[in-house]
C-alpha atoms as a PDB file:
ATOM      1  CA  UNK A   1     -52.418  42.920  42.942  1.00  0.00           C
ATOM      2  CA  UNK A   2     -53.032  41.047  46.182  1.00  0.00           C
ATOM      3  CA  UNK A   3     -50.071  39.978  48.274  1.00  0.00           C
ATOM      4  CA  UNK A   4     -48.642  36.761  46.937  1.00  0.00           C
ATOM      5  CA  UNK A   5     -46.537  34.500  49.062  1.00  0.00           C
ATOM      6  CA  UNK A   6     -43.595  33.676  46.865  1.00  0.00           C
ATOM      7  CA  UNK A   7     -41.522  35.360  44.163  1.00  0.00           C
ATOM      8  CA  UNK A   8     -42.637  32.824  41.529  1.00  0.00           C
ATOM      9  CA  UNK A   9     -46.292  33.788  42.026  1.00  0.00           C
ATOM     10  CA  UNK A  10     -45.338  37.464  41.868  1.00  0.00           C
ATOM     11  CA  UNK A  11     -43.365  37.003  38.634  1.00  0.00           C
ATOM     12  CA  UNK A  12     -46.226  35.012  37.098  1.00  0.00           C
ATOM     13  CA  UNK A  13     -48.610  37.824  38.014  1.00  0.00           C
ATOM     14  CA  UNK A  14     -46.291  40.431  36.451  1.00  0.00           C
ATOM     15  CA  UNK A  15     -46.113  38.355  33.291  1.00  0.00           C
ATOM     16  CA  UNK A  16     -49.913  38.274  33.092  1.00  0.00           C
ATOM     17  CA  UNK A  17     -50.284  42.003  33.812  1.00  0.00           C
ATOM     18  CA  UNK A  18     -47.694  42.922  31.163  1.00  0.00           C
ATOM     19  CA  UNK A  19     -49.127  40.571  28.519  1.00  0.00           C
ATOM     20  CA  UNK A  20     -46.074  38.338  28.560  1.00  0.00           C
ATOM     21  CA  UNK A  21     -43.414  41.051  28.475  1.00  0.00           C
ATOM     22  CA  UNK A  22     -40.930  38.816  30.301  1.00  0.00           C
ATOM     23  CA  UNK A  23     -39.333  35.715  28.815  1.00  0.00           C
ATOM     24  CA  UNK A  24     -38.244  32.800  30.998  1.00  0.00           C
ATOM     25  CA  UNK A  25     -34.804  34.439  31.361  1.00  0.00           C
ATOM     26  CA  UNK A  26     -36.460  37.746  32.172  1.00  0.00           C
ATOM     27  CA  UNK A  27     -38.636  36.109  34.809  1.00  0.00           C
ATOM     28  CA  UNK A  28     -35.504  34.662  36.403  1.00  0.00           C
ATOM     29  CA  UNK A  29     -33.908  38.120  36.417  1.00  0.00           C
ATOM     30  CA  UNK A  30     -36.995  39.532  38.177  1.00  0.00           C
ATOM     31  CA  UNK A  31     -36.625  36.815  40.846  1.00  0.00           C
ATOM     32  CA  UNK A  32     -32.994  37.899  41.314  1.00  0.00           C
ATOM     33  CA  UNK A  33     -34.100  41.541  41.544  1.00  0.00           C
ATOM     34  CA  UNK A  34     -36.559  40.570  44.261  1.00  0.00           C
ATOM     35  CA  UNK A  35     -33.843  38.849  46.276  1.00  0.00           C
ATOM     36  CA  UNK A  36     -31.623  41.929  46.015  1.00  0.00           C
ATOM     37  CA  UNK A  37     -34.532  44.230  46.795  1.00  0.00           C
ATOM     38  CA  UNK A  38     -35.331  42.174  49.909  1.00  0.00           C
ATOM     39  CA  UNK A  39     -31.751  42.688  51.118  1.00  0.00           C
ATOM     40  CA  UNK A  40     -31.763  46.460  50.535  1.00  0.00           C
ATOM     41  CA  UNK A  41     -35.261  46.859  51.955  1.00  0.00           C
ATOM     42  CA  UNK A  42     -34.046  45.076  55.100  1.00  0.00           C
ATOM     43  CA  UNK A  43     -31.239  47.614  55.441  1.00  0.00           C
ATOM     44  CA  UNK A  44     -33.744  50.421  55.054  1.00  0.00           C
ATOM     45  CA  UNK A  45     -36.284  49.151  57.601  1.00  0.00           C
ATOM     46  CA  UNK A  46     -33.693  47.609  59.928  1.00  0.00           C
ATOM     47  CA  UNK A  47     -35.204  44.127  59.953  1.00  0.00           C
ATOM     48  CA  UNK A  48     -35.754  41.215  57.608  1.00  0.00           C
ATOM     49  CA  UNK A  49     -38.795  42.043  55.467  1.00  0.00           C
ATOM     50  CA  UNK A  50     -41.358  39.427  54.551  1.00  0.00           C
ATOM     51  CA  UNK A  51     -41.671  38.389  50.925  1.00  0.00           C
ATOM     52  CA  UNK A  52     -45.032  40.107  50.888  1.00  0.00           C
ATOM     53  CA  UNK A  53     -43.442  43.419  51.987  1.00  0.00           C
ATOM     54  CA  UNK A  54     -40.602  42.919  49.521  1.00  0.00           C
ATOM     55  CA  UNK A  55     -42.850  42.262  46.553  1.00  0.00           C
ATOM     56  CA  UNK A  56     -45.138  45.190  47.386  1.00  0.00           C
ATOM     57  CA  UNK A  57     -42.149  47.503  47.781  1.00  0.00           C
ATOM     58  CA  UNK A  58     -40.536  46.292  44.543  1.00  0.00           C
ATOM     59  CA  UNK A  59     -43.795  46.657  42.649  1.00  0.00           C
ATOM     60  CA  UNK A  60     -44.387  50.231  43.858  1.00  0.00           C
ATOM     61  CA  UNK A  61     -40.831  51.567  44.030  1.00  0.00           C
ATOM     62  CA  UNK A  62     -39.219  49.867  41.040  1.00  0.00           C
ATOM     63  CA  UNK A  63     -41.489  47.885  38.744  1.00  0.00           C
ATOM     64  CA  UNK A  64     -44.353  50.315  38.132  1.00  0.00           C
ATOM     65  CA  UNK A  65     -42.177  53.445  37.707  1.00  0.00           C
ATOM     66  CA  UNK A  66     -39.724  51.654  35.385  1.00  0.00           C
ATOM     67  CA  UNK A  67     -42.551  50.007  33.447  1.00  0.00           C
ATOM     68  CA  UNK A  68     -44.228  53.400  32.992  1.00  0.00           C
ATOM     69  CA  UNK A  69     -40.929  54.947  31.896  1.00  0.00           C
ATOM     70  CA  UNK A  70     -40.212  52.358  29.207  1.00  0.00           C
ATOM     71  CA  UNK A  71     -43.736  52.757  27.823  1.00  0.00           C
ATOM     72  CA  UNK A  72     -43.401  56.539  27.648  1.00  0.00           C
ATOM     73  CA  UNK A  73     -42.882  58.470  24.447  1.00  0.00           C
ATOM     74  CA  UNK A  74     -39.235  59.128  25.469  1.00  0.00           C
ATOM     75  CA  UNK A  75     -38.437  55.455  25.043  1.00  0.00           C
ATOM     76  CA  UNK A  76     -40.675  55.016  22.016  1.00  0.00           C
ATOM     77  CA  UNK A  77     -38.825  57.710  20.052  1.00  0.00           C
ATOM     78  CA  UNK A  78     -35.300  56.844  21.204  1.00  0.00           C
ATOM     79  CA  UNK A  79     -35.549  53.034  21.189  1.00  0.00           C
ATOM     80  CA  UNK A  80     -38.103  52.283  18.463  1.00  0.00           C
ATOM     81  CA  UNK A  81     -36.936  48.712  17.788  1.00  0.00           C
ATOM     82  CA  UNK A  82     -35.782  47.536  21.221  1.00  0.00           C
ATOM     83  CA  UNK A  83     -37.886  45.025  23.149  1.00  0.00           C
ATOM     84  CA  UNK A  84     -39.504  46.379  26.300  1.00  0.00           C
ATOM     85  CA  UNK A  85     -38.069  43.531  28.376  1.00  0.00           C
ATOM     86  CA  UNK A  86     -34.544  44.499  27.325  1.00  0.00           C
ATOM     87  CA  UNK A  87     -35.229  48.164  28.107  1.00  0.00           C
ATOM     88  CA  UNK A  88     -36.636  47.240  31.516  1.00  0.00           C
ATOM     89  CA  UNK A  89     -33.454  45.462  32.570  1.00  0.00           C
ATOM     90  CA  UNK A  90     -31.128  48.017  31.024  1.00  0.00           C
ATOM     91  CA  UNK A  91     -32.903  50.858  32.817  1.00  0.00           C
ATOM     92  CA  UNK A  92     -32.978  49.057  36.178  1.00  0.00           C
ATOM     93  CA  UNK A  93     -29.249  48.331  35.864  1.00  0.00           C
ATOM     94  CA  UNK A  94     -28.567  51.938  34.887  1.00  0.00           C
ATOM     95  CA  UNK A  95     -30.625  53.157  37.850  1.00  0.00           C
ATOM     96  CA  UNK A  96     -28.733  50.876  40.221  1.00  0.00           C
ATOM     97  CA  UNK A  97     -25.372  52.318  39.137  1.00  0.00           C
ATOM     98  CA  UNK A  98     -26.606  55.923  39.224  1.00  0.00           C
ATOM     99  CA  UNK A  99     -27.861  55.425  42.763  1.00  0.00           C
ATOM    100  CA  UNK A 100     -24.451  54.177  43.875  1.00  0.00           C
ATOM    101  CA  UNK A 101     -23.190  57.762  43.563  1.00  0.00           C
ATOM    102  CA  UNK A 102     -26.469  59.623  44.000  1.00  0.00           C
ATOM    103  CA  UNK A 103     -28.959  57.616  46.113  1.00  0.00           C
ATOM    104  CA  UNK A 104     -31.830  60.043  45.547  1.00  0.00           C
ATOM    105  CA  UNK A 105     -31.815  59.735  41.753  1.00  0.00           C
ATOM    106  CA  UNK A 106     -35.416  59.394  40.600  1.00  0.00           C
ATOM    107  CA  UNK A 107     -36.451  56.828  38.050  1.00  0.00           C
ATOM    108  CA  UNK A 108     -37.760  59.638  35.845  1.00  0.00           C
ATOM    109  CA  UNK A 109     -34.380  61.395  35.818  1.00  0.00           C
ATOM    110  CA  UNK A 110     -32.559  58.107  35.224  1.00  0.00           C
ATOM    111  CA  UNK A 111     -34.905  57.358  32.318  1.00  0.00           C
ATOM    112  CA  UNK A 112     -34.259  60.733  30.691  1.00  0.00           C
ATOM    113  CA  UNK A 113     -30.500  60.380  31.143  1.00  0.00           C
ATOM    114  CA  UNK A 114     -30.621  56.840  29.782  1.00  0.00           C
ATOM    115  CA  UNK A 115     -32.508  57.951  26.661  1.00  0.00           C
ATOM    116  CA  UNK A 116     -30.041  60.758  26.021  1.00  0.00           C
ATOM    117  CA  UNK A 117     -26.984  58.593  26.604  1.00  0.00           C
ATOM    118  CA  UNK A 118     -27.999  55.348  24.892  1.00  0.00           C
ATOM    119  CA  UNK A 119     -30.885  56.055  22.530  1.00  0.00           C
ATOM    120  CA  UNK A 120     -30.467  54.683  19.040  1.00  0.00           C
ATOM    121  CA  UNK A 121     -32.696  57.189  17.258  1.00  0.00           C
ATOM    122  CA  UNK A 122     -30.728  60.427  16.805  1.00  0.00           C
ATOM    123  CA  UNK A 123     -33.804  62.652  16.384  1.00  0.00           C
ATOM    124  CA  UNK A 124     -35.440  61.072  19.412  1.00  0.00           C
ATOM    125  CA  UNK A 125     -32.319  61.637  21.516  1.00  0.00           C
ATOM    126  CA  UNK A 126     -32.172  65.287  20.464  1.00  0.00           C
ATOM    127  CA  UNK A 127     -35.856  65.788  21.277  1.00  0.00           C
ATOM    128  CA  UNK A 128     -35.575  64.155  24.708  1.00  0.00           C
ATOM    129  CA  UNK A 129     -32.410  66.136  25.487  1.00  0.00           C
ATOM    130  CA  UNK A 130     -34.027  69.418  24.414  1.00  0.00           C
ATOM    131  CA  UNK A 131     -37.134  68.765  26.528  1.00  0.00           C
ATOM    132  CA  UNK A 132     -34.966  67.672  29.445  1.00  0.00           C
ATOM    133  CA  UNK A 133     -33.211  71.055  29.392  1.00  0.00           C
ATOM    134  CA  UNK A 134     -36.469  73.009  29.526  1.00  0.00           C
ATOM    135  CA  UNK A 135     -38.114  70.914  32.234  1.00  0.00           C
END
């Protein structure tokens, strides 16, 4: 994805790439995520990042890893009936709170913990938890 100049263009591009995964409300939440990400990225790089830098960072550090996680078998077996958009925002919120206490928490670890803690499919939760213990 080429650098786009505003969050609306970025959100529209994400919607196209994900075949419409985000509703209008979801698109608004992504815009809010971008604003927050811009703030935290600025703290990290010690200057005000451009929107282009912010969107590239968000795409690579948050969006793609979370998107990949919610389309993994872990999520398919533990949340068989939950919309991907809902899972995306629940996992990003969960990750945010985990990183408050443990800043180096990976998205993969957060995803496994999330499946074990909140999965609706009992067999799926047991399978994910068992595999988590051996990996």
